[in-house]
Protein backbone atom coordinates (compact mmCIF):
# COMPACT_ATOMS: atom_id res chain seq x y z
CA UNK A 1 0.00 0.00 0.00
CA UNK A 2 2.82 2.40 0.84
CA UNK A 3 4.53 1.68 -2.46
CA UNK A 4 1.26 2.19 -4.36
CA UNK A 5 0.72 5.56 -2.69
CA UNK A 6 4.30 6.48 -3.61
CA UNK A 7 3.48 5.48 -7.20
CA UNK A 8 0.57 7.94 -7.14
CA UNK A 9 2.76 10.55 -5.44
CA UNK A 10 5.34 10.44 -8.20
CA UNK A 11 2.81 9.93 -10.97
CA UNK A 12 0.99 13.13 -10.01
CA UNK A 13 4.31 14.94 -9.59
CA UNK A 14 5.64 13.90 -13.01
CA UNK A 15 2.49 14.54 -15.05
CA UNK A 16 3.56 18.15 -15.62
CA UNK A 17 6.86 17.02 -17.17
CA UNK A 18 5.24 14.22 -19.18
CA UNK A 19 2.57 16.51 -20.64
CA UNK A 20 4.84 19.55 -20.98
CA UNK A 21 4.39 20.07 -24.72
CA UNK A 22 0.55 20.16 -24.87
CA UNK A 23 0.48 22.26 -21.68
CA UNK A 24 2.90 24.74 -23.27
CA UNK A 25 0.80 24.80 -26.44
CA UNK A 26 -2.44 25.40 -24.52
CA UNK A 27 -1.30 27.89 -21.87
CA UNK A 28 1.52 29.49 -23.93
CA UNK A 29 4.24 29.20 -21.28
CA UNK A 30 8.02 29.22 -21.74
CA UNK A 31 10.63 26.66 -20.67
CA UNK A 32 11.57 28.93 -17.76
CA UNK A 33 7.97 29.12 -16.53
CA UNK A 34 7.64 25.36 -16.90
CA UNK A 35 10.84 24.87 -14.91
CA UNK A 36 9.60 27.15 -12.13
CA UNK A 37 6.27 25.40 -11.55
CA UNK A 38 7.89 21.98 -11.87
CA UNK A 39 10.83 23.00 -9.71
CA UNK A 40 11.17 25.99 -7.41
CA UNK A 41 7.48 26.82 -6.83
CA UNK A 42 6.67 23.17 -6.11
CA UNK A 43 9.74 22.55 -3.96
CA UNK A 44 9.27 25.64 -1.77
CA UNK A 45 6.10 24.10 -0.35
CA UNK A 46 7.07 20.44 -0.67
CA UNK A 47 10.37 20.79 1.18
CA UNK A 48 9.66 23.25 3.97
CA UNK A 49 6.19 22.04 4.97
CA UNK A 50 7.68 18.54 5.27
CA UNK A 51 9.55 19.65 8.43
CA UNK A 52 6.56 20.47 10.69
CA UNK A 53 4.68 17.57 9.11
CA UNK A 54 7.60 15.28 9.98
CA UNK A 55 7.66 16.43 13.59
CA UNK A 56 3.86 15.99 13.80
CA UNK A 57 4.10 12.47 12.37
CA UNK A 58 6.80 11.53 14.90
CA UNK A 59 4.32 12.39 17.66
CA UNK A 60 0.97 11.33 16.16
CA UNK A 61 -0.60 8.63 13.96
CA UNK A 62 1.49 8.36 10.79
CA UNK A 63 -1.07 6.32 8.84
CA UNK A 64 -3.87 8.89 9.24
CA UNK A 65 -1.52 11.75 8.39
CA UNK A 66 -0.35 9.99 5.22
CA UNK A 67 -3.94 9.26 4.14
CA UNK A 68 -4.89 12.93 4.55
CA UNK A 69 -1.80 14.05 2.60
CA UNK A 70 -2.63 11.65 -0.26
CA UNK A 71 -6.19 13.00 -0.47
CA UNK A 72 -4.92 16.60 -0.52
CA UNK A 73 -2.32 16.22 -3.26
CA UNK A 74 -4.72 14.13 -5.37
CA UNK A 75 -7.44 16.79 -5.16
CA UNK A 76 -4.84 19.41 -6.14
CA UNK A 77 -3.86 17.26 -9.12
CA UNK A 78 -7.48 17.40 -10.30
CA UNK A 79 -7.25 21.20 -9.94
CA UNK A 80 -4.19 21.20 -12.25
CA UNK A 81 -6.34 19.67 -14.96
CA UNK A 82 -8.95 22.39 -14.50
CA UNK A 83 -6.45 25.31 -14.64
CA UNK A 84 -7.10 27.84 -17.40
CA UNK A 85 -4.17 30.19 -16.80
CA UNK A 86 -0.53 29.93 -15.76
CA UNK A 87 -1.17 31.42 -12.25
CA UNK A 88 -3.98 28.92 -11.66
CA UNK A 89 -1.72 26.04 -12.68
CA UNK A 90 1.09 27.38 -10.47
CA UNK A 91 -1.20 27.59 -7.41
CA UNK A 92 -2.53 24.08 -8.03
CA UNK A 93 1.03 22.73 -8.35
CA UNK A 94 2.07 24.40 -5.11
CA UNK A 95 -0.90 22.75 -3.40
CA UNK A 96 0.25 19.39 -4.77
CA UNK A 97 3.58 20.14 -3.07
CA UNK A 98 1.82 20.86 0.24
CA UNK A 99 0.10 17.48 0.14
CA UNK A 100 3.10 15.50 -1.02
CA UNK A 101 5.14 16.92 1.87
CA UNK A 102 3.25 14.46 4.08
CA UNK A 103 3.79 11.46 1.82
CA UNK A 104 7.31 10.10 1.89
CA UNK A 105 8.79 10.78 5.39
CA UNK A 106 6.00 8.96 7.31
CA UNK A 107 6.34 6.04 4.91
CA UNK A 108 10.09 5.75 5.57
CA UNK A 109 9.41 5.54 9.32
CA UNK A 110 6.53 3.07 9.01
CA UNK A 111 8.70 0.73 6.92
CA UNK A 112 11.61 1.05 9.37
CA UNK A 113 9.25 -0.07 12.15
CA UNK A 114 8.14 -3.09 10.10
CA UNK A 115 11.61 -4.42 9.18
CA UNK A 116 14.68 -4.93 11.41
CA UNK A 117 18.20 -3.60 10.68
CA UNK A 118 19.78 -5.69 7.95
CA UNK A 119 16.54 -5.92 5.96
CA UNK A 120 15.62 -2.26 5.75
CA UNK A 121 17.69 -1.56 2.63
CA UNK A 122 15.76 -4.15 0.62
CA UNK A 123 12.42 -3.04 2.10
CA UNK A 124 13.10 0.64 1.39
CA UNK A 125 14.42 -0.34 -2.04
CA UNK A 126 11.08 -2.00 -2.83
CA UNK A 127 9.23 1.05 -1.51
CA UNK A 128 11.44 3.32 -3.63
CA UNK A 129 10.21 1.51 -6.73
CA UNK A 130 7.35 3.99 -6.43
CA UNK A 131 9.11 6.70 -8.48
CA UNK A 132 10.01 4.53 -11.51
CA UNK A 133 6.64 2.78 -11.52
CA UNK A 134 4.82 6.09 -11.06
CA UNK A 135 6.87 7.80 -13.76
CA UNK A 136 6.48 4.88 -16.18
CA UNK A 137 2.72 4.66 -15.62
CA UNK A 138 2.45 8.43 -15.88
CA UNK A 139 4.25 8.33 -19.21
CA UNK A 140 2.17 5.42 -20.51
CA UNK A 141 -1.27 6.49 -19.31
CA UNK A 142 -0.72 10.24 -19.25
CA UNK A 143 0.59 10.30 -22.81
CA UNK A 144 -2.11 7.89 -24.01
CA UNK A 145 -4.95 9.89 -22.42
CA UNK A 146 -3.48 13.14 -23.73
CA UNK A 147 -3.11 11.71 -27.23
CA UNK A 148 -6.68 10.35 -27.27
CA UNK A 149 -8.47 13.15 -25.42
CA UNK A 150 -6.70 16.04 -23.67
CA UNK A 151 -3.89 16.59 -21.18
CA UNK A 152 -6.53 17.85 -18.74
CA UNK A 153 -8.23 14.45 -18.51
CA UNK A 154 -4.94 12.84 -17.42
CA UNK A 155 -4.73 15.10 -14.34
CA UNK A 156 -8.43 14.67 -13.48
CA UNK A 157 -8.56 10.87 -13.80
CA UNK A 158 -5.33 10.16 -11.93
CA UNK A 159 -6.12 12.71 -9.21
CA UNK A 160 -9.50 11.09 -8.59
CA UNK A 161 -7.80 7.70 -8.26
CA UNK A 162 -5.60 9.13 -5.50
CA UNK A 163 -8.55 10.37 -3.47
CA UNK A 164 -10.12 6.89 -3.57
CA UNK A 165 -6.78 5.30 -2.60
CA UNK A 166 -6.43 7.51 0.47
CA UNK A 167 -9.74 6.18 1.81
CA UNK A 168 -8.76 2.56 1.17
CA UNK A 169 -5.38 3.12 2.86
CA UNK A 170 -6.71 4.56 6.12
CA UNK A 171 -9.20 1.68 6.40
CA UNK A 172 -6.73 -1.15 5.74
CA UNK A 173 -3.31 -0.19 7.16
CA UNK A 174 -2.51 -0.14 10.89
CA UNK A 175 0.04 2.03 12.67
CA UNK A 176 3.07 -0.12 13.72
CA UNK A 177 4.67 0.42 17.16
CA UNK A 178 7.68 2.74 17.06
CA UNK A 179 11.09 1.13 17.56
CA UNK A 180 9.78 -2.37 18.33
CA UNK A 181 12.34 -3.99 16.02
CA UNK A 182 15.31 -1.90 17.14
CA UNK A 183 17.80 -2.98 19.84
CA UNK A 184 16.66 -2.10 23.35
CA UNK A 185 19.78 0.05 23.76
CA UNK A 186 18.38 2.56 21.25
CA UNK A 187 16.78 5.38 23.23
CA UNK A 188 13.00 5.66 23.03
CA UNK A 189 10.88 8.67 23.83
CA UNK A 190 9.34 11.80 22.37
CA UNK A 191 11.75 13.76 20.23
CA UNK A 192 11.76 17.54 20.48
CA UNK A 193 11.52 19.60 17.29
CA UNK A 194 14.72 21.58 17.84
CA UNK A 195 16.50 18.57 19.31
CA UNK A 196 15.98 16.59 16.08
CA UNK A 197 16.80 19.62 13.93
CA UNK A 198 20.08 20.20 15.77
CA UNK A 199 20.98 16.51 15.70
CA UNK A 200 20.53 16.25 11.93
CA UNK A 201 22.52 19.31 10.94
CA UNK A 202 25.39 18.68 13.35
CA UNK A 203 26.04 15.08 12.31
CA UNK A 204 28.29 15.20 9.23
CA UNK A 205 27.24 11.78 7.92
CA UNK A 206 23.59 12.84 7.73
CA UNK A 207 24.31 16.25 6.23
CA UNK A 208 26.74 14.89 3.63
CA UNK A 209 24.24 12.19 2.62
CA UNK A 210 21.65 14.93 2.10
CA UNK A 211 24.03 17.19 0.13
CA UNK A 212 25.31 14.34 -2.05
CA UNK A 213 21.73 13.30 -2.76
CA UNK A 214 20.81 16.91 -3.54
CA UNK A 215 23.61 17.26 -6.08
CA UNK A 216 22.47 13.99 -7.68
CA UNK A 217 18.84 15.11 -7.74
CA UNK A 218 19.88 18.36 -9.42
CA UNK A 219 20.76 16.09 -12.35
CA UNK A 220 17.86 13.63 -12.11
CA UNK A 221 15.08 16.20 -11.68
CA UNK A 222 16.66 18.62 -14.11
CA UNK A 223 16.75 15.82 -16.66
CA UNK A 224 13.44 14.07 -15.95
CA UNK A 225 11.36 17.27 -15.96
CA UNK A 226 12.47 17.98 -19.51
CA UNK A 227 13.17 14.52 -21.00
CA UNK A 228 9.77 14.13 -22.66
CA UNK A 229 9.89 17.66 -24.07
CA UNK A 230 13.49 17.08 -25.22
CA UNK A 231 12.63 13.79 -26.95
CA UNK A 232 9.55 15.22 -28.65
CA UNK A 233 10.83 18.67 -29.60
CA UNK A 234 14.44 17.89 -30.50
CA UNK A 235 14.50 14.14 -31.22
CA UNK A 236 11.21 13.80 -33.11
CA UNK A 237 9.25 11.45 -30.82
CA UNK A 238 5.45 11.35 -30.87
CA UNK A 239 3.14 10.78 -27.88
CA UNK A 240 2.44 7.25 -29.09
CA UNK A 241 6.20 6.50 -29.02
CA UNK A 242 6.62 8.17 -25.62
CA UNK A 243 3.78 6.14 -24.09
CA UNK A 244 5.50 2.86 -24.96
CA UNK A 245 9.26 3.20 -25.35
CA UNK A 246 10.13 5.94 -22.87
CA UNK A 247 7.85 4.31 -20.29
CA UNK A 248 9.76 1.02 -20.72
CA UNK A 249 13.13 2.74 -20.35
CA UNK A 250 12.04 4.34 -17.08
CA UNK A 251 10.45 1.17 -15.69
CA UNK A 252 13.36 -1.11 -16.54
CA UNK A 253 16.25 1.32 -16.00
CA UNK A 254 15.19 3.36 -12.99
CA UNK A 255 13.21 0.53 -11.38
CA UNK A 256 16.04 -1.96 -11.82
CA UNK A 257 18.61 0.45 -10.40
CA UNK A 258 16.59 1.21 -7.28
CA UNK A 259 15.80 -2.45 -6.55
CA UNK A 260 19.36 -3.66 -7.19
CA UNK A 261 20.85 -0.88 -5.06
CA UNK A 262 18.60 -1.86 -2.12
CA UNK A 263 19.78 -5.47 -2.25
CA UNK A 264 23.42 -4.40 -2.60
CA UNK A 265 23.16 -1.98 0.34
CA UNK A 266 21.91 -4.71 2.69
CA UNK A 267 24.70 -7.04 1.58
CA UNK A 268 27.65 -4.66 1.34
CA UNK A 269 27.01 -2.57 4.47
CA UNK A 270 27.38 -5.71 6.59
CA UNK A 271 31.09 -5.42 5.73
CA UNK A 272 31.45 -1.66 6.05
CA UNK A 273 29.26 1.44 6.50
CA UNK A 274 31.32 3.16 3.80
CA UNK A 275 29.31 1.39 1.10
CA UNK A 276 26.39 3.72 1.84
CA UNK A 277 28.60 6.30 0.09
CA UNK A 278 30.91 4.26 -2.16
CA UNK A 279 28.05 2.58 -4.01
CA UNK A 280 26.42 5.82 -5.26
CA UNK A 281 29.85 7.35 -6.00
CA UNK A 282 30.74 4.37 -8.22
CA UNK A 283 27.36 4.29 -9.98
CA UNK A 284 27.46 8.02 -10.79
CA UNK A 285 30.98 7.67 -12.19
CA UNK A 286 29.78 4.95 -14.57
CA UNK A 287 26.75 7.03 -15.57
CA UNK A 288 28.64 10.05 -16.93
CA UNK A 289 29.65 8.75 -20.41
CA UNK A 290 26.22 7.18 -20.96
CA UNK A 291 24.49 10.42 -20.01
CA UNK A 292 26.61 12.41 -22.47
CA UNK A 293 25.85 9.84 -25.18
CA UNK A 294 22.10 10.21 -24.49
CA UNK A 295 22.21 13.99 -24.88
CA UNK A 296 24.33 13.71 -28.04
CA UNK A 297 22.39 10.91 -29.80
CA UNK A 298 21.05 12.05 -33.20
CA UNK A 299 17.82 10.00 -33.04
CA UNK A 300 15.33 9.17 -30.31
CA UNK A 301 15.75 5.35 -30.51
CA UNK A 302 19.51 5.70 -29.96
CA UNK A 303 18.94 8.32 -27.26
CA UNK A 304 16.60 5.97 -25.35
CA UNK A 305 19.11 3.14 -25.64
CA UNK A 306 21.80 5.29 -24.00
CA UNK A 307 19.29 6.62 -21.44
CA UNK A 308 18.86 3.12 -20.00
CA UNK A 309 22.32 3.43 -18.42
CA UNK A 310 21.85 6.73 -16.53
CA UNK A 311 18.32 5.70 -15.53
CA UNK A 312 19.77 2.57 -13.93
CA UNK A 313 22.85 4.16 -12.35
CA UNK A 314 21.59 7.62 -11.31
CA UNK A 315 19.33 6.31 -8.53
CA UNK A 316 21.68 4.19 -6.42
CA UNK A 317 22.01 7.18 -4.10
CA UNK A 318 18.33 7.11 -3.09
CA UNK A 319 18.09 3.86 -1.13
CA UNK A 320 21.63 4.36 0.19
CA UNK A 321 20.89 7.76 1.72
CA UNK A 322 17.40 6.91 2.98
CA UNK A 323 18.57 3.69 4.64
CA UNK A 324 21.60 5.40 6.19
CA UNK A 325 19.46 8.15 7.77
CA UNK A 326 16.78 5.75 9.03
CA UNK A 327 19.47 3.47 10.47
CA UNK A 328 21.46 6.21 12.17
CA UNK A 329 18.72 8.06 14.09
CA UNK A 330 16.44 7.13 16.98
CA UNK A 331 13.01 5.64 16.17
CA UNK A 332 11.26 8.73 17.54
CA UNK A 333 13.28 10.94 15.17
CA UNK A 334 12.83 8.97 11.96
CA UNK A 335 9.99 10.84 10.27
CA UNK A 336 11.43 14.29 10.88
CA UNK A 337 14.94 13.10 9.95
CA UNK A 338 13.52 11.71 6.71
CA UNK A 339 11.79 15.05 6.16
CA UNK A 340 15.05 16.93 6.76
CA UNK A 341 16.82 14.65 4.29
CA UNK A 342 14.11 15.42 1.75
CA UNK A 343 14.28 19.14 2.58
CA UNK A 344 17.95 19.39 1.68
CA UNK A 345 18.06 17.06 -1.30
CA UNK A 346 14.73 18.13 -2.82
CA UNK A 347 15.27 21.86 -2.40
CA UNK A 348 18.60 21.52 -4.20
CA UNK A 349 17.49 18.94 -6.75
CA UNK A 350 13.76 19.37 -7.27
CA UNK A 351 13.73 23.10 -6.52
CA UNK A 352 16.79 24.21 -8.47
CA UNK A 353 17.40 21.47 -11.07
CA UNK A 354 14.32 21.97 -13.32
CA UNK A 355 14.44 25.73 -12.71
CA UNK A 356 18.05 25.83 -13.91
CA UNK A 357 17.46 23.65 -17.00
CA UNK A 358 14.42 25.69 -18.08
CA UNK A 359 16.30 28.97 -17.68
CA UNK A 360 19.38 27.58 -19.46
CA UNK A 361 17.25 26.36 -22.37
CA UNK A 362 15.69 29.80 -22.82
CA UNK A 363 19.17 31.38 -22.62
CA UNK A 364 20.58 29.04 -25.30
CA UNK A 365 17.58 29.62 -27.57
CA UNK A 366 19.15 32.81 -28.98
CA UNK A 367 22.22 30.96 -30.28
CA UNK A 368 20.88 27.38 -30.61
CA UNK A 369 17.18 27.73 -31.50
CA UNK A 370 16.88 24.14 -32.75
CA UNK A 371 18.63 22.40 -29.83
CA UNK A 372 18.49 24.71 -26.82
CA UNK A 373 17.42 21.91 -24.47
CA UNK A 374 20.30 19.75 -25.64
CA UNK A 375 22.77 22.49 -24.76
CA UNK A 376 21.10 23.00 -21.38
CA UNK A 377 21.28 19.28 -20.56
CA UNK A 378 25.00 19.18 -21.43
CA UNK A 379 25.62 21.74 -18.67
CA UNK A 380 24.35 19.31 -16.02
CA UNK A 381 27.51 17.19 -16.40
CA UNK A 382 29.66 19.04 -13.76
CA UNK A 383 27.05 18.21 -11.13
CA UNK A 384 27.96 14.54 -11.52
CA UNK A 385 31.48 15.41 -10.38
CA UNK A 386 30.14 17.43 -7.45
CA UNK A 387 27.90 14.57 -6.30
CA UNK A 388 30.71 12.02 -6.61
CA UNK A 389 33.00 14.24 -4.53
CA UNK A 390 30.39 14.63 -1.78
CA UNK A 391 29.79 10.88 -1.58
CA UNK A 392 33.53 10.18 -1.39
CA UNK A 393 33.74 12.70 1.46
CA UNK A 394 30.86 10.89 3.13
CA UNK A 395 32.75 7.60 2.77
CA UNK A 396 35.66 9.06 4.75
CA UNK A 397 33.29 10.21 7.51
CA UNK A 398 31.60 6.80 7.65
CA UNK A 399 34.91 5.10 8.35
CA UNK A 400 34.56 6.43 11.91
CA UNK A 401 32.23 4.32 14.11
CA UNK A 402 29.42 6.00 16.05
CA UNK A 403 27.51 5.09 19.20
CA UNK A 404 24.35 4.69 17.12
CA UNK A 405 26.09 2.21 14.81
CA UNK A 406 27.20 0.13 17.74
CA UNK A 407 23.68 0.21 19.14
CA UNK A 408 22.12 -0.85 15.84
CA UNK A 409 24.43 -3.85 15.79
CA UNK A 410 23.08 -4.85 19.16
CA UNK A 411 26.36 -4.35 21.00
CA UNK A 412 26.91 -2.62 24.32
CA UNK A 413 28.05 0.99 23.71
């Protein structure tokens, strides 16, 4: 159920990017405006509201809070389909961000209270299949509905499905006890808001995981919010092609990468905590040449073939960082810590990545009118190097044992 709600979360979030071209044609908006409502405007609400919501979830019923959040963002998705002007669409998208702020952090904590240490990486990896499944289904169904009817119907139908799902969820899922599967040595209690805030930002391993993830998301969100538009406008794809072939690339590449990384995290971190950082650093290094080949490719079939590689390798960071944070903090701090992780990495990645790519594309339009998005996507390459550097720094920090690590292993601190 949690994974399905995450599918809807990401599906609703990605519809704007998937249906970018018909939305631009209908509302007459630029790449920069598209980048703002898909990036900065959305992230301002999504990231910062997640903090009080995280603290509230750590001290109340997480299942009921998640159900309410799902209903809110789904209703706002319906409103996106009804928007007649750019300001109306922007307000509806910001409301989607408000609702989705209560989606992921409570889910991380619920899963961590259902699976013991040593199995959480795989469990969170399965949960994190939500984004690739949601994106793939959004591409397939969103593009198909838009091609057959209108882009508005895609928002309305999928938003209505989310409202129904929120009701089913609250009636079928029970709240698990906090910390029941953690070693008794791990402190229990009620976490204070400022106590958790101070803990997160003063522990270098948590902050570096968030910054490394943010640099990676600058690439992934900057790319994904414009991939469909790039393939259609500059590579010649049609909606019918997008609905099948791009959906398959996302499902197989991104989904495979997230699942495989979860299994590898559980196996490798038994040897050393440094693999929480070394695994994403290695995967991002391998992704660079394949990403450049995707942007360069002269045809959309060849571009999609190269895109399989980055889609598989770009997302190893996600399960690594989420599992590390959930493993390293107390059970009563998990939701807010997950929210703080999302605050840092999503404000950098989701907030600034699409905003930057949209602005860069408009800037390059004067000199490269036929391939401005291609030029903008090339400029994302240095952020790979930044992310790799941050994860290697994190690996050095993780070489030092902590009291929490000893506790999670069940030893006496």
